[in-house]
Amino acid sequence: MEVFQMVKTKRQTLLVTARSGNPAAQLELACDYDFEPPKNRRRAVYWYRKAAEQGNAEAQNFLAESLRDGIDGNKSYKEAAIWFKRAAEGGILDAQASYGNFLFYGRGGVKRDWSRAFDWYTKAANKGQCNAQFNLALMYMRGEGVPQDWKTAIDWFRKAAKNNNVSAMHWLGRIYGGLEKYPEDEKEAFHWLKLAAEGGDAQSQCNLGVCYMNGNGVMRDEKIGMHWYRAAAKQGDDWASYLLGLCYRDGLGVKRNRRLARHWFNIAILKGVKEAARALRKMSRRNTN
């Protein structure tokens, strides 16, 4: 009760200054509504807009993010693009990465322009913005807007990963794991997959499980492999659900359990994994013989 009273008092104090037209107070009040309980997203957006209209670049970025992500389910990419551009020009690194993304994909009425996207990504990436670093890495890896360059791509993936970008860790795991057209390195693949898996990436959790099951880059351990399959499957990874079914069917890292095998096969089937359907049919035939 005391905490909410303190929040109320703080907001009332900020409200007086915000209503007087102070953009810094407007931004602080908006952030308070956005991130502190009791939250009120509509009021947050109202005050972001007030500060943004006065040229506060940070508020412009927050407003753009709100419009992109949706307010009460209503998204406005077109208006978000306008505010991202203003915030990007105002030097906000997150906005530079976001506006680069709008340019890359041609979102919000912005004409698709890989060259300009590259420029904004580079501007933000050189100052350490991890999403921009990750997106630059993808451009170099795929040869989109720039000549394909694996060395430069991996350099940017590594910089993004160092800045805790889990997607970059995942892609480094894929690259070194032989899933892309690049020389395989099992130990490097394991290193990055483990970091990405611990960071919560479901596909990396599944791939890490495969490493443990097969002994790729690490000592073989079916129980740990099973653990990572389960973690990925609980997050909805379709292939992990299938592999988890195989574990229960064959007793890999866990006691055999046909009922749980069927359960996970059925989940994988609902997600479109044909191999799971075949495995389930095979189980059924064995049961009738």
C-alpha atoms as a PDB file:
ATOM      1  CA  MET A   1       0.000   0.000   0.000  1.00  0.00           C
ATOM      2  CA  GLU A   2       2.848   2.384   0.926  1.00  0.00           C
ATOM      3  CA  VAL A   3       4.620   1.619  -2.371  1.00  0.00           C
ATOM      4  CA  PHE A   4       1.556   2.520  -4.440  1.00  0.00           C
ATOM      5  CA  GLN A   5       1.130   5.714  -2.406  1.00  0.00           C
ATOM      6  CA  MET A   6       4.747   6.647  -3.164  1.00  0.00           C
ATOM      7  CA  VAL A   7       4.168   5.961  -6.879  1.00  0.00           C
ATOM      8  CA  LYS A   8       0.999   8.069  -6.806  1.00  0.00           C
ATOM      9  CA  THR A   9       2.809  10.963  -5.100  1.00  0.00           C
ATOM     10  CA  LYS A  10       5.690  10.750  -7.581  1.00  0.00           C
ATOM     11  CA  ARG A  11       3.309  10.806 -10.539  1.00  0.00           C
ATOM     12  CA  GLN A  12       1.349  13.726  -9.139  1.00  0.00           C
ATOM     13  CA  THR A  13       4.594  15.693  -8.759  1.00  0.00           C
ATOM     14  CA  LEU A  14       5.694  14.819 -12.306  1.00  0.00           C
ATOM     15  CA  LEU A  15       2.253  15.620 -13.666  1.00  0.00           C
ATOM     16  CA  VAL A  16       2.490  19.247 -12.557  1.00  0.00           C
ATOM     17  CA  THR A  17       5.813  19.718 -14.394  1.00  0.00           C
ATOM     18  CA  ALA A  18       4.707  17.676 -17.412  1.00  0.00           C
ATOM     19  CA  ARG A  19       1.542  19.750 -17.822  1.00  0.00           C
ATOM     20  CA  SER A  20       3.670  22.890 -17.799  1.00  0.00           C
ATOM     21  CA  GLY A  21       5.239  21.615 -21.016  1.00  0.00           C
ATOM     22  CA  ASN A  22       8.537  20.241 -19.733  1.00  0.00           C
ATOM     23  CA  PRO A  23       9.552  17.443 -22.178  1.00  0.00           C
ATOM     24  CA  ALA A  24      11.938  15.762 -19.728  1.00  0.00           C
ATOM     25  CA  ALA A  25       9.140  15.481 -17.147  1.00  0.00           C
ATOM     26  CA  GLN A  26       6.737  14.278 -19.843  1.00  0.00           C
ATOM     27  CA  LEU A  27       9.182  11.521 -20.817  1.00  0.00           C
ATOM     28  CA  GLU A  28       9.817  10.512 -17.196  1.00  0.00           C
ATOM     29  CA  LEU A  29       6.075  10.380 -16.504  1.00  0.00           C
ATOM     30  CA  ALA A  30       5.496   8.302 -19.646  1.00  0.00           C
ATOM     31  CA  CYS A  31       8.220   5.827 -18.638  1.00  0.00           C
ATOM     32  CA  ASP A  32       6.757   5.596 -15.157  1.00  0.00           C
ATOM     33  CA  TYR A  33       3.341   4.701 -16.589  1.00  0.00           C
ATOM     34  CA  ASP A  34       4.955   2.288 -19.058  1.00  0.00           C
ATOM     35  CA  PHE A  35       7.320   0.372 -16.783  1.00  0.00           C
ATOM     36  CA  GLU A  36       6.272   0.833 -13.159  1.00  0.00           C
ATOM     37  CA  PRO A  37       3.163  -0.657 -11.493  1.00  0.00           C
ATOM     38  CA  PRO A  38       0.358   0.215 -11.690  1.00  0.00           C
ATOM     39  CA  LYS A  39       1.021   0.437 -15.441  1.00  0.00           C
ATOM     40  CA  ASN A  40      -1.096   2.413 -17.862  1.00  0.00           C
ATOM     41  CA  ARG A  41       0.019   2.064 -21.488  1.00  0.00           C
ATOM     42  CA  ARG A  42      -2.453   4.588 -22.883  1.00  0.00           C
ATOM     43  CA  ARG A  43      -1.259   7.329 -20.526  1.00  0.00           C
ATOM     44  CA  ALA A  44       2.352   6.372 -21.256  1.00  0.00           C
ATOM     45  CA  VAL A  45       1.801   6.808 -24.998  1.00  0.00           C
ATOM     46  CA  TYR A  46      -0.034  10.102 -24.421  1.00  0.00           C
ATOM     47  CA  TRP A  47       2.984  11.563 -22.611  1.00  0.00           C
ATOM     48  CA  TYR A  48       5.513  10.002 -25.005  1.00  0.00           C
ATOM     49  CA  ARG A  49       3.698  11.817 -27.788  1.00  0.00           C
ATOM     50  CA  LYS A  50       3.700  15.124 -25.892  1.00  0.00           C
ATOM     51  CA  ALA A  51       7.482  14.913 -25.373  1.00  0.00           C
ATOM     52  CA  ALA A  52       8.095  13.586 -28.888  1.00  0.00           C
ATOM     53  CA  GLU A  53       6.221  16.500 -30.458  1.00  0.00           C
ATOM     54  CA  GLN A  54       8.610  18.835 -28.638  1.00  0.00           C
ATOM     55  CA  GLY A  55      11.590  17.095 -30.223  1.00  0.00           C
ATOM     56  CA  ASN A  56      12.663  14.755 -27.426  1.00  0.00           C
ATOM     57  CA  ALA A  57      14.437  12.018 -29.409  1.00  0.00           C
ATOM     58  CA  GLU A  58      14.202   9.373 -26.668  1.00  0.00           C
ATOM     59  CA  ALA A  59      10.454   9.922 -26.401  1.00  0.00           C
ATOM     60  CA  GLN A  60      10.191   9.706 -30.191  1.00  0.00           C
ATOM     61  CA  ASN A  61      11.805   6.279 -30.075  1.00  0.00           C
ATOM     62  CA  PHE A  62       9.553   5.050 -27.244  1.00  0.00           C
ATOM     63  CA  LEU A  63       6.499   6.343 -29.109  1.00  0.00           C
ATOM     64  CA  ALA A  64       7.615   4.593 -32.303  1.00  0.00           C
ATOM     65  CA  GLU A  65       8.160   1.320 -30.432  1.00  0.00           C
ATOM     66  CA  SER A  66       4.686   1.599 -28.893  1.00  0.00           C
ATOM     67  CA  LEU A  67       3.098   2.223 -32.288  1.00  0.00           C
ATOM     68  CA  ARG A  68       5.032  -0.668 -33.866  1.00  0.00           C
ATOM     69  CA  ASP A  69       4.252  -3.132 -31.082  1.00  0.00           C
ATOM     70  CA  GLY A  70       0.622  -2.073 -30.755  1.00  0.00           C
ATOM     71  CA  ILE A  71      -1.485  -0.095 -28.320  1.00  0.00           C
ATOM     72  CA  ASP A  72      -4.436  -2.199 -27.151  1.00  0.00           C
ATOM     73  CA  GLY A  73      -3.753  -4.471 -30.109  1.00  0.00           C
ATOM     74  CA  ASN A  74      -3.710  -1.645 -32.663  1.00  0.00           C
ATOM     75  CA  LYS A  75      -0.436  -1.291 -34.570  1.00  0.00           C
ATOM     76  CA  SER A  76       0.567   1.595 -36.802  1.00  0.00           C
ATOM     77  CA  TYR A  77       3.728   0.850 -38.783  1.00  0.00           C
ATOM     78  CA  LYS A  78       3.283   3.951 -40.904  1.00  0.00           C
ATOM     79  CA  GLU A  79       3.347   6.394 -37.988  1.00  0.00           C
ATOM     80  CA  ALA A  80       6.013   4.311 -36.230  1.00  0.00           C
ATOM     81  CA  ALA A  81       8.286   4.734 -39.269  1.00  0.00           C
ATOM     82  CA  ILE A  82       7.940   8.536 -39.058  1.00  0.00           C
ATOM     83  CA  TRP A  83       8.933   8.640 -35.401  1.00  0.00           C
ATOM     84  CA  PHE A  84      11.733   6.087 -35.773  1.00  0.00           C
ATOM     85  CA  LYS A  85      13.235   8.257 -38.501  1.00  0.00           C
ATOM     86  CA  ARG A  86      13.102  11.383 -36.321  1.00  0.00           C
ATOM     87  CA  ALA A  87      14.579   9.547 -33.335  1.00  0.00           C
ATOM     88  CA  ALA A  88      17.280   7.993 -35.544  1.00  0.00           C
ATOM     89  CA  GLU A  89      18.217  11.426 -36.866  1.00  0.00           C
ATOM     90  CA  GLY A  90      18.294  12.573 -33.239  1.00  0.00           C
ATOM     91  CA  GLY A  91      21.025  10.034 -32.492  1.00  0.00           C
ATOM     92  CA  ILE A  92      19.057   7.298 -30.682  1.00  0.00           C
ATOM     93  CA  LEU A  93      20.891   4.039 -31.477  1.00  0.00           C
ATOM     94  CA  ASP A  94      17.872   1.765 -30.962  1.00  0.00           C
ATOM     95  CA  ALA A  95      15.888   3.934 -33.362  1.00  0.00           C
ATOM     96  CA  GLN A  96      18.671   3.786 -35.958  1.00  0.00           C
ATOM     97  CA  ALA A  97      18.538  -0.025 -35.821  1.00  0.00           C
ATOM     98  CA  SER A  98      14.729  -0.019 -35.988  1.00  0.00           C
ATOM     99  CA  TYR A  99      14.538   2.456 -38.855  1.00  0.00           C
ATOM    100  CA  GLY A 100      17.177   0.427 -40.695  1.00  0.00           C
ATOM    101  CA  ASN A 101      14.902  -2.588 -40.256  1.00  0.00           C
ATOM    102  CA  PHE A 102      11.931  -0.662 -41.710  1.00  0.00           C
ATOM    103  CA  LEU A 103      14.068   0.312 -44.701  1.00  0.00           C
ATOM    104  CA  PHE A 104      15.380  -3.209 -45.173  1.00  0.00           C
ATOM    105  CA  TYR A 105      11.918  -4.786 -45.287  1.00  0.00           C
ATOM    106  CA  GLY A 106       9.994  -1.816 -46.705  1.00  0.00           C
ATOM    107  CA  ARG A 107       7.652  -1.488 -43.729  1.00  0.00           C
ATOM    108  CA  GLY A 108       5.289   1.301 -42.762  1.00  0.00           C
ATOM    109  CA  GLY A 109       5.070   2.816 -46.216  1.00  0.00           C
ATOM    110  CA  VAL A 110       8.857   3.235 -46.337  1.00  0.00           C
ATOM    111  CA  LYS A 111      10.340   2.265 -49.687  1.00  0.00           C
ATOM    112  CA  ARG A 112      12.559  -0.797 -49.465  1.00  0.00           C
ATOM    113  CA  ASP A 113      16.155   0.380 -49.631  1.00  0.00           C
ATOM    114  CA  TRP A 114      18.969  -1.988 -48.613  1.00  0.00           C
ATOM    115  CA  SER A 115      21.619   0.648 -49.157  1.00  0.00           C
ATOM    116  CA  ARG A 116      20.047   3.096 -46.688  1.00  0.00           C
ATOM    117  CA  ALA A 117      19.277   0.242 -44.285  1.00  0.00           C
ATOM    118  CA  PHE A 118      22.963  -0.706 -44.401  1.00  0.00           C
ATOM    119  CA  ASP A 119      23.956   2.907 -43.624  1.00  0.00           C
ATOM    120  CA  TRP A 120      21.676   3.101 -40.560  1.00  0.00           C
ATOM    121  CA  TYR A 121      22.711  -0.335 -39.320  1.00  0.00           C
ATOM    122  CA  THR A 122      26.377   0.600 -39.708  1.00  0.00           C
ATOM    123  CA  LYS A 123      25.919   3.911 -37.880  1.00  0.00           C
ATOM    124  CA  ALA A 124      24.326   2.152 -34.884  1.00  0.00           C
ATOM    125  CA  ALA A 125      26.513  -0.977 -35.038  1.00  0.00           C
ATOM    126  CA  ASN A 126      29.738   1.019 -34.877  1.00  0.00           C
ATOM    127  CA  LYS A 127      28.505   2.459 -31.571  1.00  0.00           C
ATOM    128  CA  GLY A 128      27.698  -0.960 -30.134  1.00  0.00           C
ATOM    129  CA  GLN A 129      23.964  -1.430 -30.852  1.00  0.00           C
ATOM    130  CA  CYS A 130      23.666  -5.213 -30.858  1.00  0.00           C
ATOM    131  CA  ASN A 131      20.553  -5.552 -33.062  1.00  0.00           C
ATOM    132  CA  ALA A 132      22.201  -3.424 -35.746  1.00  0.00           C
ATOM    133  CA  GLN A 133      25.341  -5.547 -35.464  1.00  0.00           C
ATOM    134  CA  PHE A 134      23.241  -8.696 -35.852  1.00  0.00           C
ATOM    135  CA  ASN A 135      21.376  -7.326 -38.884  1.00  0.00           C
ATOM    136  CA  LEU A 136      24.632  -6.269 -40.545  1.00  0.00           C
ATOM    137  CA  ALA A 137      25.948  -9.789 -40.004  1.00  0.00           C
ATOM    138  CA  LEU A 138      22.886 -11.239 -41.742  1.00  0.00           C
ATOM    139  CA  MET A 139      23.363  -8.894 -44.708  1.00  0.00           C
ATOM    140  CA  TYR A 140      26.990  -9.963 -45.142  1.00  0.00           C
ATOM    141  CA  MET A 141      26.184 -13.642 -44.635  1.00  0.00           C
ATOM    142  CA  ARG A 142      23.394 -13.637 -47.214  1.00  0.00           C
ATOM    143  CA  GLY A 143      24.922 -11.123 -49.608  1.00  0.00           C
ATOM    144  CA  GLU A 144      21.879  -8.844 -49.343  1.00  0.00           C
ATOM    145  CA  GLY A 145      22.756  -5.286 -50.346  1.00  0.00           C
ATOM    146  CA  VAL A 146      26.471  -6.068 -49.969  1.00  0.00           C
ATOM    147  CA  PRO A 147      28.799  -8.712 -51.459  1.00  0.00           C
ATOM    148  CA  GLN A 148      28.678 -11.923 -49.431  1.00  0.00           C
ATOM    149  CA  ASP A 149      31.550 -11.934 -46.955  1.00  0.00           C
ATOM    150  CA  TRP A 150      31.684 -14.711 -44.357  1.00  0.00           C
ATOM    151  CA  LYS A 151      34.580 -13.211 -42.390  1.00  0.00           C
ATOM    152  CA  THR A 152      32.852  -9.866 -41.965  1.00  0.00           C
ATOM    153  CA  ALA A 153      29.542 -11.587 -41.185  1.00  0.00           C
ATOM    154  CA  ILE A 154      31.114 -13.689 -38.441  1.00  0.00           C
ATOM    155  CA  ASP A 155      32.930 -10.636 -37.034  1.00  0.00           C
ATOM    156  CA  TRP A 156      29.608  -8.802 -36.681  1.00  0.00           C
ATOM    157  CA  PHE A 157      27.856 -11.887 -35.256  1.00  0.00           C
ATOM    158  CA  ARG A 158      30.622 -12.138 -32.656  1.00  0.00           C
ATOM    159  CA  LYS A 159      30.319  -8.441 -31.739  1.00  0.00           C
ATOM    160  CA  ALA A 160      26.553  -8.795 -31.362  1.00  0.00           C
ATOM    161  CA  ALA A 161      26.960 -11.986 -29.306  1.00  0.00           C
ATOM    162  CA  LYS A 162      29.474 -10.222 -27.059  1.00  0.00           C
ATOM    163  CA  ASN A 163      26.719  -7.654 -26.460  1.00  0.00           C
ATOM    164  CA  ASN A 164      24.396 -10.485 -25.349  1.00  0.00           C
ATOM    165  CA  ASN A 165      22.422 -10.809 -28.573  1.00  0.00           C
ATOM    166  CA  VAL A 166      21.071 -14.363 -28.281  1.00  0.00           C
ATOM    167  CA  SER A 167      20.086 -14.519 -31.974  1.00  0.00           C
ATOM    168  CA  ALA A 168      23.727 -13.878 -32.921  1.00  0.00           C
ATOM    169  CA  MET A 169      24.830 -16.716 -30.633  1.00  0.00           C
ATOM    170  CA  HIS A 170      22.265 -18.977 -32.308  1.00  0.00           C
ATOM    171  CA  TRP A 171      23.524 -18.133 -35.794  1.00  0.00           C
ATOM    172  CA  LEU A 172      27.151 -18.681 -34.814  1.00  0.00           C
ATOM    173  CA  GLY A 173      26.080 -22.103 -33.564  1.00  0.00           C
ATOM    174  CA  ARG A 174      24.373 -22.807 -36.902  1.00  0.00           C
ATOM    175  CA  ILE A 175      27.320 -21.569 -38.945  1.00  0.00           C
ATOM    176  CA  TYR A 176      29.956 -23.584 -37.079  1.00  0.00           C
ATOM    177  CA  GLY A 177      27.560 -26.522 -36.815  1.00  0.00           C
ATOM    178  CA  GLY A 178      27.576 -27.048 -40.569  1.00  0.00           C
ATOM    179  CA  LEU A 179      24.001 -25.862 -41.092  1.00  0.00           C
ATOM    180  CA  GLU A 180      25.175 -23.078 -43.402  1.00  0.00           C
ATOM    181  CA  LYS A 181      27.692 -23.190 -46.254  1.00  0.00           C
ATOM    182  CA  TYR A 182      30.697 -22.742 -43.992  1.00  0.00           C
ATOM    183  CA  PRO A 183      33.401 -25.151 -42.693  1.00  0.00           C
ATOM    184  CA  GLU A 184      32.176 -27.060 -39.653  1.00  0.00           C
ATOM    185  CA  ASP A 185      33.792 -26.675 -36.237  1.00  0.00           C
ATOM    186  CA  GLU A 186      32.061 -28.850 -33.614  1.00  0.00           C
ATOM    187  CA  LYS A 187      33.676 -27.219 -30.584  1.00  0.00           C
ATOM    188  CA  GLU A 188      32.860 -23.687 -31.726  1.00  0.00           C
ATOM    189  CA  ALA A 189      29.323 -24.776 -32.595  1.00  0.00           C
ATOM    190  CA  PHE A 190      28.847 -26.301 -29.156  1.00  0.00           C
ATOM    191  CA  HIS A 191      30.219 -23.164 -27.437  1.00  0.00           C
ATOM    192  CA  TRP A 192      27.763 -20.827 -29.153  1.00  0.00           C
ATOM    193  CA  LEU A 193      24.785 -23.191 -29.033  1.00  0.00           C
ATOM    194  CA  LYS A 194      25.241 -23.581 -25.283  1.00  0.00           C
ATOM    195  CA  LEU A 195      25.278 -19.808 -24.767  1.00  0.00           C
ATOM    196  CA  ALA A 196      22.209 -19.343 -26.965  1.00  0.00           C
ATOM    197  CA  ALA A 197      20.394 -22.245 -25.279  1.00  0.00           C
ATOM    198  CA  GLU A 198      21.115 -20.819 -21.838  1.00  0.00           C
ATOM    199  CA  GLY A 199      19.828 -17.509 -23.176  1.00  0.00           C
ATOM    200  CA  GLY A 200      16.480 -19.158 -23.916  1.00  0.00           C
ATOM    201  CA  ASP A 201      16.628 -19.736 -27.673  1.00  0.00           C
ATOM    202  CA  ALA A 202      14.447 -22.812 -28.327  1.00  0.00           C
ATOM    203  CA  GLN A 203      16.063 -23.899 -31.606  1.00  0.00           C
ATOM    204  CA  SER A 204      19.516 -23.688 -30.027  1.00  0.00           C
ATOM    205  CA  GLN A 205      18.267 -25.746 -27.086  1.00  0.00           C
ATOM    206  CA  CYS A 206      17.134 -28.422 -29.527  1.00  0.00           C
ATOM    207  CA  ASN A 207      20.424 -28.326 -31.456  1.00  0.00           C
ATOM    208  CA  LEU A 208      22.399 -28.442 -28.210  1.00  0.00           C
ATOM    209  CA  GLY A 209      20.423 -31.546 -27.256  1.00  0.00           C
ATOM    210  CA  VAL A 210      21.535 -33.132 -30.534  1.00  0.00           C
ATOM    211  CA  CYS A 211      25.165 -32.302 -29.670  1.00  0.00           C
ATOM    212  CA  TYR A 212      24.863 -34.112 -26.331  1.00  0.00           C
ATOM    213  CA  MET A 213      22.999 -37.061 -27.847  1.00  0.00           C
ATOM    214  CA  ASN A 214      25.594 -37.564 -30.604  1.00  0.00           C
ATOM    215  CA  GLY A 215      28.714 -36.371 -28.788  1.00  0.00           C
ATOM    216  CA  ASN A 216      29.317 -33.473 -31.179  1.00  0.00           C
ATOM    217  CA  GLY A 217      31.874 -31.118 -29.629  1.00  0.00           C
ATOM    218  CA  VAL A 218      31.143 -32.517 -26.152  1.00  0.00           C
ATOM    219  CA  MET A 219      31.151 -35.813 -24.266  1.00  0.00           C
ATOM    220  CA  ARG A 220      28.022 -37.800 -25.135  1.00  0.00           C
ATOM    221  CA  ASP A 221      25.363 -37.549 -22.411  1.00  0.00           C
ATOM    222  CA  GLU A 222      21.823 -38.679 -23.228  1.00  0.00           C
ATOM    223  CA  LYS A 223      20.340 -37.327 -19.992  1.00  0.00           C
ATOM    224  CA  ILE A 224      21.595 -33.803 -20.665  1.00  0.00           C
ATOM    225  CA  GLY A 225      20.517 -34.126 -24.299  1.00  0.00           C
ATOM    226  CA  MET A 226      17.051 -35.103 -23.119  1.00  0.00           C
ATOM    227  CA  HIS A 227      17.007 -32.099 -20.766  1.00  0.00           C
ATOM    228  CA  TRP A 228      17.611 -29.689 -23.641  1.00  0.00           C
ATOM    229  CA  TYR A 229      15.048 -31.391 -25.884  1.00  0.00           C
ATOM    230  CA  ARG A 230      12.497 -30.939 -23.137  1.00  0.00           C
ATOM    231  CA  ALA A 231      13.406 -27.284 -22.624  1.00  0.00           C
ATOM    232  CA  ALA A 232      12.986 -26.595 -26.354  1.00  0.00           C
ATOM    233  CA  ALA A 233       9.784 -28.634 -26.645  1.00  0.00           C
ATOM    234  CA  LYS A 234       8.221 -26.743 -23.741  1.00  0.00           C
ATOM    235  CA  GLN A 235       8.836 -23.565 -25.710  1.00  0.00           C
ATOM    236  CA  GLY A 236       6.985 -25.045 -28.680  1.00  0.00           C
ATOM    237  CA  ASP A 237       9.892 -26.203 -30.848  1.00  0.00           C
ATOM    238  CA  ASP A 238       8.382 -28.735 -33.270  1.00  0.00           C
ATOM    239  CA  TRP A 239      11.521 -30.788 -33.971  1.00  0.00           C
ATOM    240  CA  ALA A 240      12.379 -31.002 -30.273  1.00  0.00           C
ATOM    241  CA  SER A 241       8.893 -32.414 -29.614  1.00  0.00           C
ATOM    242  CA  TYR A 242       9.585 -35.152 -32.165  1.00  0.00           C
ATOM    243  CA  LEU A 243      13.034 -35.901 -30.716  1.00  0.00           C
ATOM    244  CA  LEU A 244      11.572 -36.008 -27.231  1.00  0.00           C
ATOM    245  CA  GLY A 245       9.089 -38.603 -28.488  1.00  0.00           C
ATOM    246  CA  LEU A 246      12.002 -40.689 -29.797  1.00  0.00           C
ATOM    247  CA  CYS A 247      13.708 -40.470 -26.404  1.00  0.00           C
ATOM    248  CA  TYR A 248      10.653 -41.825 -24.619  1.00  0.00           C
ATOM    249  CA  ARG A 249      10.129 -44.490 -27.283  1.00  0.00           C
ATOM    250  CA  ASP A 250      13.720 -45.747 -27.234  1.00  0.00           C
ATOM    251  CA  GLY A 251      14.705 -44.985 -23.641  1.00  0.00           C
ATOM    252  CA  LEU A 252      17.367 -42.405 -24.504  1.00  0.00           C
ATOM    253  CA  GLY A 253      18.301 -40.498 -21.355  1.00  0.00           C
ATOM    254  CA  VAL A 254      15.005 -41.480 -19.763  1.00  0.00           C
ATOM    255  CA  LYS A 255      13.011 -44.592 -18.905  1.00  0.00           C
ATOM    256  CA  ARG A 256      10.945 -45.893 -21.832  1.00  0.00           C
ATOM    257  CA  ASN A 257       7.374 -44.646 -21.769  1.00  0.00           C
ATOM    258  CA  ARG A 258       5.173 -45.353 -24.787  1.00  0.00           C
ATOM    259  CA  ARG A 259       2.385 -43.112 -23.535  1.00  0.00           C
ATOM    260  CA  LEU A 260       4.692 -40.087 -23.301  1.00  0.00           C
ATOM    261  CA  ALA A 261       6.278 -41.014 -26.633  1.00  0.00           C
ATOM    262  CA  ARG A 262       2.821 -40.875 -28.256  1.00  0.00           C
ATOM    263  CA  HIS A 263       2.085 -37.615 -26.436  1.00  0.00           C
ATOM    264  CA  TRP A 264       5.143 -35.851 -27.864  1.00  0.00           C
ATOM    265  CA  PHE A 265       4.751 -37.416 -31.305  1.00  0.00           C
ATOM    266  CA  ASN A 266       1.179 -36.101 -31.429  1.00  0.00           C
ATOM    267  CA  ILE A 267       2.348 -32.598 -30.459  1.00  0.00           C
ATOM    268  CA  ALA A 268       4.969 -32.719 -33.221  1.00  0.00           C
ATOM    269  CA  ILE A 269       2.376 -33.989 -35.720  1.00  0.00           C
ATOM    270  CA  LEU A 270       0.114 -31.020 -34.927  1.00  0.00           C
ATOM    271  CA  LYS A 271       3.086 -28.790 -35.793  1.00  0.00           C
ATOM    272  CA  GLY A 272       3.538 -30.528 -39.145  1.00  0.00           C
ATOM    273  CA  VAL A 273       6.462 -32.869 -38.446  1.00  0.00           C
ATOM    274  CA  LYS A 274       5.962 -35.750 -40.899  1.00  0.00           C
ATOM    275  CA  GLU A 275       8.654 -37.858 -39.254  1.00  0.00           C
ATOM    276  CA  ALA A 276       6.593 -37.905 -36.063  1.00  0.00           C
ATOM    277  CA  ALA A 277       3.571 -39.236 -37.952  1.00  0.00           C
ATOM    278  CA  ARG A 278       5.695 -42.033 -39.413  1.00  0.00           C
ATOM    279  CA  ALA A 279       7.163 -42.865 -35.991  1.00  0.00           C
ATOM    280  CA  LEU A 280       3.696 -43.015 -34.437  1.00  0.00           C
ATOM    281  CA  ARG A 281       2.390 -45.311 -37.195  1.00  0.00           C
ATOM    282  CA  LYS A 282       5.410 -47.552 -36.696  1.00  0.00           C
ATOM    283  CA  MET A 283       4.689 -47.732 -32.959  1.00  0.00           C
ATOM    284  CA  SER A 284       1.053 -48.618 -33.630  1.00  0.00           C
ATOM    285  CA  ARG A 285       2.022 -51.422 -36.038  1.00  0.00           C
ATOM    286  CA  ARG A 286       4.426 -52.878 -33.491  1.00  0.00           C
ATOM    287  CA  ASN A 287       1.678 -52.756 -30.876  1.00  0.00           C
ATOM    288  CA  THR A 288      -0.694 -54.801 -33.036  1.00  0.00           C
ATOM    289  CA  ASN A 289       1.889 -57.408 -34.050  1.00  0.00           C
END
